[in-house]
Amino acid sequence: MAIVRVEIFKRDQETRDRIIKGITDVLIANGAKSEGTEVILYELEPEVWGKGGETFAKRIADRKAQEAGGGGDGAS
């Protein structure tokens, strides 16, 4: 039996279904049985998940602002 726990940002149901099927397919390709494979998605909001001292909500907002401002590569 294989149990896979995945922490991701919230997704729509179609995307969840594809993720679960894709992970299951990888395990089956490596010897697991389909009926013994469980995938559990833990969906989180970007406001409660952080990296490098910043929430992903802030990182996403900063990236969008940078892209809207021309990429911020300093080549003006």
N, C-alpha and C. Protein backbone atom coordinates (compact mmCIF):
# COMPACT_ATOMS: atom_id res chain seq x y z
N MET A 1 0.85 -1.18 0.00
CA MET A 1 0.00 0.00 0.00
C MET A 1 0.89 1.24 0.00
N ALA A 2 0.51 2.20 -0.80
CA ALA A 2 1.23 3.48 -0.85
C ALA A 2 0.25 4.60 -0.53
N ILE A 3 0.68 5.48 0.37
CA ILE A 3 -0.10 6.68 0.68
C ILE A 3 0.80 7.88 0.39
N VAL A 4 0.34 8.74 -0.50
CA VAL A 4 1.11 9.93 -0.88
C VAL A 4 0.35 11.15 -0.41
N ARG A 5 1.03 11.99 0.34
CA ARG A 5 0.44 13.25 0.81
C ARG A 5 1.12 14.40 0.07
N VAL A 6 0.29 15.27 -0.52
CA VAL A 6 0.81 16.36 -1.33
C VAL A 6 0.27 17.68 -0.80
N GLU A 7 1.15 18.62 -0.53
CA GLU A 7 0.74 19.95 -0.10
C GLU A 7 0.86 20.90 -1.29
N ILE A 8 -0.26 21.50 -1.67
CA ILE A 8 -0.30 22.37 -2.84
C ILE A 8 -1.22 23.55 -2.55
N PHE A 9 -1.14 24.57 -3.41
CA PHE A 9 -2.12 25.64 -3.35
C PHE A 9 -3.45 25.10 -3.87
N LYS A 10 -4.52 25.78 -3.53
CA LYS A 10 -5.86 25.35 -3.97
C LYS A 10 -5.92 25.25 -5.49
N ARG A 11 -6.61 24.22 -5.96
CA ARG A 11 -6.78 23.97 -7.39
C ARG A 11 -8.26 23.68 -7.68
N ASP A 12 -8.65 23.74 -8.94
CA ASP A 12 -10.00 23.33 -9.31
C ASP A 12 -10.06 21.80 -9.36
N GLN A 13 -11.27 21.26 -9.38
CA GLN A 13 -11.43 19.81 -9.28
C GLN A 13 -10.79 19.06 -10.46
N GLU A 14 -10.88 19.62 -11.65
CA GLU A 14 -10.26 18.97 -12.81
C GLU A 14 -8.75 18.82 -12.62
N THR A 15 -8.12 19.84 -12.09
CA THR A 15 -6.68 19.78 -11.83
C THR A 15 -6.36 18.78 -10.73
N ARG A 16 -7.17 18.78 -9.67
CA ARG A 16 -6.99 17.79 -8.60
C ARG A 16 -7.04 16.38 -9.16
N ASP A 17 -8.04 16.12 -10.00
CA ASP A 17 -8.19 14.79 -10.59
C ASP A 17 -6.95 14.40 -11.40
N ARG A 18 -6.41 15.34 -12.18
CA ARG A 18 -5.21 15.05 -12.98
C ARG A 18 -4.00 14.79 -12.09
N ILE A 19 -3.85 15.55 -11.03
CA ILE A 19 -2.73 15.35 -10.10
C ILE A 19 -2.82 13.96 -9.47
N ILE A 20 -3.99 13.61 -8.96
CA ILE A 20 -4.17 12.31 -8.32
C ILE A 20 -3.90 11.18 -9.31
N LYS A 21 -4.42 11.29 -10.52
CA LYS A 21 -4.20 10.25 -11.52
C LYS A 21 -2.72 10.17 -11.90
N GLY A 22 -2.09 11.31 -12.08
CA GLY A 22 -0.68 11.32 -12.47
C GLY A 22 0.22 10.68 -11.42
N ILE A 23 -0.01 11.01 -10.16
CA ILE A 23 0.79 10.41 -9.08
C ILE A 23 0.53 8.92 -9.00
N THR A 24 -0.74 8.53 -9.11
CA THR A 24 -1.09 7.11 -9.08
C THR A 24 -0.41 6.37 -10.24
N ASP A 25 -0.44 6.95 -11.43
CA ASP A 25 0.19 6.31 -12.60
C ASP A 25 1.68 6.10 -12.40
N VAL A 26 2.36 7.07 -11.79
CA VAL A 26 3.81 6.94 -11.54
C VAL A 26 4.06 5.78 -10.59
N LEU A 27 3.26 5.67 -9.54
CA LEU A 27 3.45 4.59 -8.59
C LEU A 27 3.16 3.23 -9.22
N ILE A 28 2.11 3.15 -10.03
CA ILE A 28 1.79 1.90 -10.73
C ILE A 28 2.93 1.51 -11.66
N ALA A 29 3.50 2.49 -12.36
CA ALA A 29 4.62 2.21 -13.27
C ALA A 29 5.84 1.69 -12.52
N ASN A 30 5.86 1.91 -11.22
CA ASN A 30 6.99 1.47 -10.40
C ASN A 30 6.61 0.34 -9.44
N GLY A 31 5.55 -0.38 -9.79
CA GLY A 31 5.23 -1.61 -9.07
C GLY A 31 4.09 -1.57 -8.08
N ALA A 32 3.50 -0.41 -7.82
CA ALA A 32 2.38 -0.34 -6.88
C ALA A 32 1.11 -0.85 -7.55
N LYS A 33 0.17 -1.27 -6.75
CA LYS A 33 -1.14 -1.69 -7.25
C LYS A 33 -2.09 -0.49 -7.15
N SER A 34 -2.91 -0.31 -8.17
CA SER A 34 -3.84 0.83 -8.21
C SER A 34 -4.73 0.86 -6.97
N GLU A 35 -5.31 -0.29 -6.63
CA GLU A 35 -6.24 -0.33 -5.50
C GLU A 35 -5.56 -0.12 -4.15
N GLY A 36 -4.24 -0.22 -4.12
CA GLY A 36 -3.50 0.01 -2.88
C GLY A 36 -2.82 1.36 -2.83
N THR A 37 -3.16 2.23 -3.76
CA THR A 37 -2.51 3.54 -3.84
C THR A 37 -3.51 4.63 -3.45
N GLU A 38 -3.14 5.42 -2.46
CA GLU A 38 -3.97 6.54 -2.03
C GLU A 38 -3.18 7.83 -2.18
N VAL A 39 -3.86 8.87 -2.67
CA VAL A 39 -3.25 10.19 -2.80
C VAL A 39 -4.13 11.16 -2.03
N ILE A 40 -3.51 11.89 -1.12
CA ILE A 40 -4.24 12.87 -0.32
C ILE A 40 -3.68 14.25 -0.63
N LEU A 41 -4.55 15.15 -1.08
CA LEU A 41 -4.13 16.52 -1.38
C LEU A 41 -4.49 17.42 -0.20
N TYR A 42 -3.49 18.09 0.31
CA TYR A 42 -3.69 19.10 1.34
C TYR A 42 -3.57 20.45 0.65
N GLU A 43 -4.69 21.12 0.50
CA GLU A 43 -4.69 22.40 -0.21
C GLU A 43 -4.63 23.56 0.77
N LEU A 44 -3.70 24.45 0.49
CA LEU A 44 -3.47 25.61 1.35
C LEU A 44 -3.61 26.89 0.55
N GLU A 45 -3.96 27.94 1.26
CA GLU A 45 -4.00 29.27 0.65
C GLU A 45 -2.59 29.84 0.67
N PRO A 46 -2.22 30.64 -0.34
CA PRO A 46 -0.87 31.20 -0.37
C PRO A 46 -0.58 32.15 0.81
N GLU A 47 -1.63 32.60 1.49
CA GLU A 47 -1.44 33.50 2.64
C GLU A 47 -0.90 32.75 3.87
N VAL A 48 -0.99 31.43 3.89
CA VAL A 48 -0.54 30.67 5.06
C VAL A 48 0.69 29.82 4.78
N TRP A 49 1.33 30.05 3.63
CA TRP A 49 2.50 29.28 3.23
C TRP A 49 3.59 30.27 2.85
N GLY A 50 4.77 30.07 3.38
CA GLY A 50 5.83 31.02 3.10
C GLY A 50 7.13 30.37 2.71
N LYS A 51 8.00 31.18 2.15
CA LYS A 51 9.35 30.75 1.75
C LYS A 51 10.24 31.97 1.85
N GLY A 52 11.41 31.79 2.42
CA GLY A 52 12.36 32.91 2.51
C GLY A 52 11.85 34.09 3.32
N GLY A 53 10.99 33.82 4.29
CA GLY A 53 10.49 34.89 5.15
C GLY A 53 9.30 35.66 4.61
N GLU A 54 8.76 35.23 3.46
CA GLU A 54 7.60 35.91 2.86
C GLU A 54 6.53 34.88 2.54
N THR A 55 5.27 35.30 2.66
CA THR A 55 4.19 34.41 2.24
C THR A 55 4.21 34.30 0.71
N PHE A 56 3.66 33.22 0.22
CA PHE A 56 3.56 33.08 -1.22
C PHE A 56 2.59 34.10 -1.79
N ALA A 57 1.61 34.54 -1.00
CA ALA A 57 0.69 35.58 -1.47
C ALA A 57 1.48 36.85 -1.82
N LYS A 58 2.42 37.22 -0.94
CA LYS A 58 3.25 38.41 -1.21
C LYS A 58 4.17 38.17 -2.39
N ARG A 59 4.78 36.99 -2.46
CA ARG A 59 5.68 36.68 -3.56
C ARG A 59 4.95 36.73 -4.90
N ILE A 60 3.73 36.19 -4.93
CA ILE A 60 2.92 36.21 -6.16
C ILE A 60 2.56 37.64 -6.54
N ALA A 61 2.12 38.44 -5.55
CA ALA A 61 1.77 39.84 -5.81
C ALA A 61 2.98 40.62 -6.32
N ASP A 62 4.15 40.39 -5.70
CA ASP A 62 5.37 41.08 -6.13
C ASP A 62 5.74 40.70 -7.57
N ARG A 63 5.60 39.41 -7.90
CA ARG A 63 5.93 38.96 -9.26
C ARG A 63 4.98 39.58 -10.28
N LYS A 64 3.68 39.62 -9.94
CA LYS A 64 2.71 40.22 -10.86
C LYS A 64 3.01 41.71 -11.06
N ALA A 65 3.37 42.40 -9.98
CA ALA A 65 3.69 43.82 -10.08
C ALA A 65 4.93 44.03 -10.93
N GLN A 66 5.91 43.15 -10.77
CA GLN A 66 7.15 43.25 -11.55
C GLN A 66 6.85 43.00 -13.04
N GLU A 67 6.03 41.99 -13.32
CA GLU A 67 5.68 41.70 -14.71
C GLU A 67 4.88 42.85 -15.33
N ALA A 68 4.00 43.45 -14.57
CA ALA A 68 3.22 44.58 -15.06
C ALA A 68 4.09 45.81 -15.31
N GLY A 69 5.19 45.89 -14.58
CA GLY A 69 6.08 47.03 -14.72
C GLY A 69 7.17 46.81 -15.75
N GLY A 70 7.08 45.78 -16.55
CA GLY A 70 8.07 45.55 -17.61
C GLY A 70 9.15 44.55 -17.25
N GLY A 71 8.93 43.77 -16.19
CA GLY A 71 9.88 42.72 -15.89
C GLY A 71 10.94 43.09 -14.88
N GLY A 72 11.19 44.36 -14.66
CA GLY A 72 12.13 44.79 -13.65
C GLY A 72 13.55 44.32 -13.85
N ASP A 73 13.98 44.17 -15.12
CA ASP A 73 15.32 43.67 -15.38
C ASP A 73 16.35 44.80 -15.45
N GLY A 74 15.90 46.03 -15.24
CA GLY A 74 16.83 47.17 -15.22
C GLY A 74 17.21 47.69 -16.58
N ALA A 75 16.72 47.09 -17.65
CA ALA A 75 17.06 47.53 -19.00
C ALA A 75 16.06 48.56 -19.47
N SER A 76 16.18 49.80 -19.01
CA SER A 76 15.24 50.84 -19.43
C SER A 76 15.85 51.69 -20.51
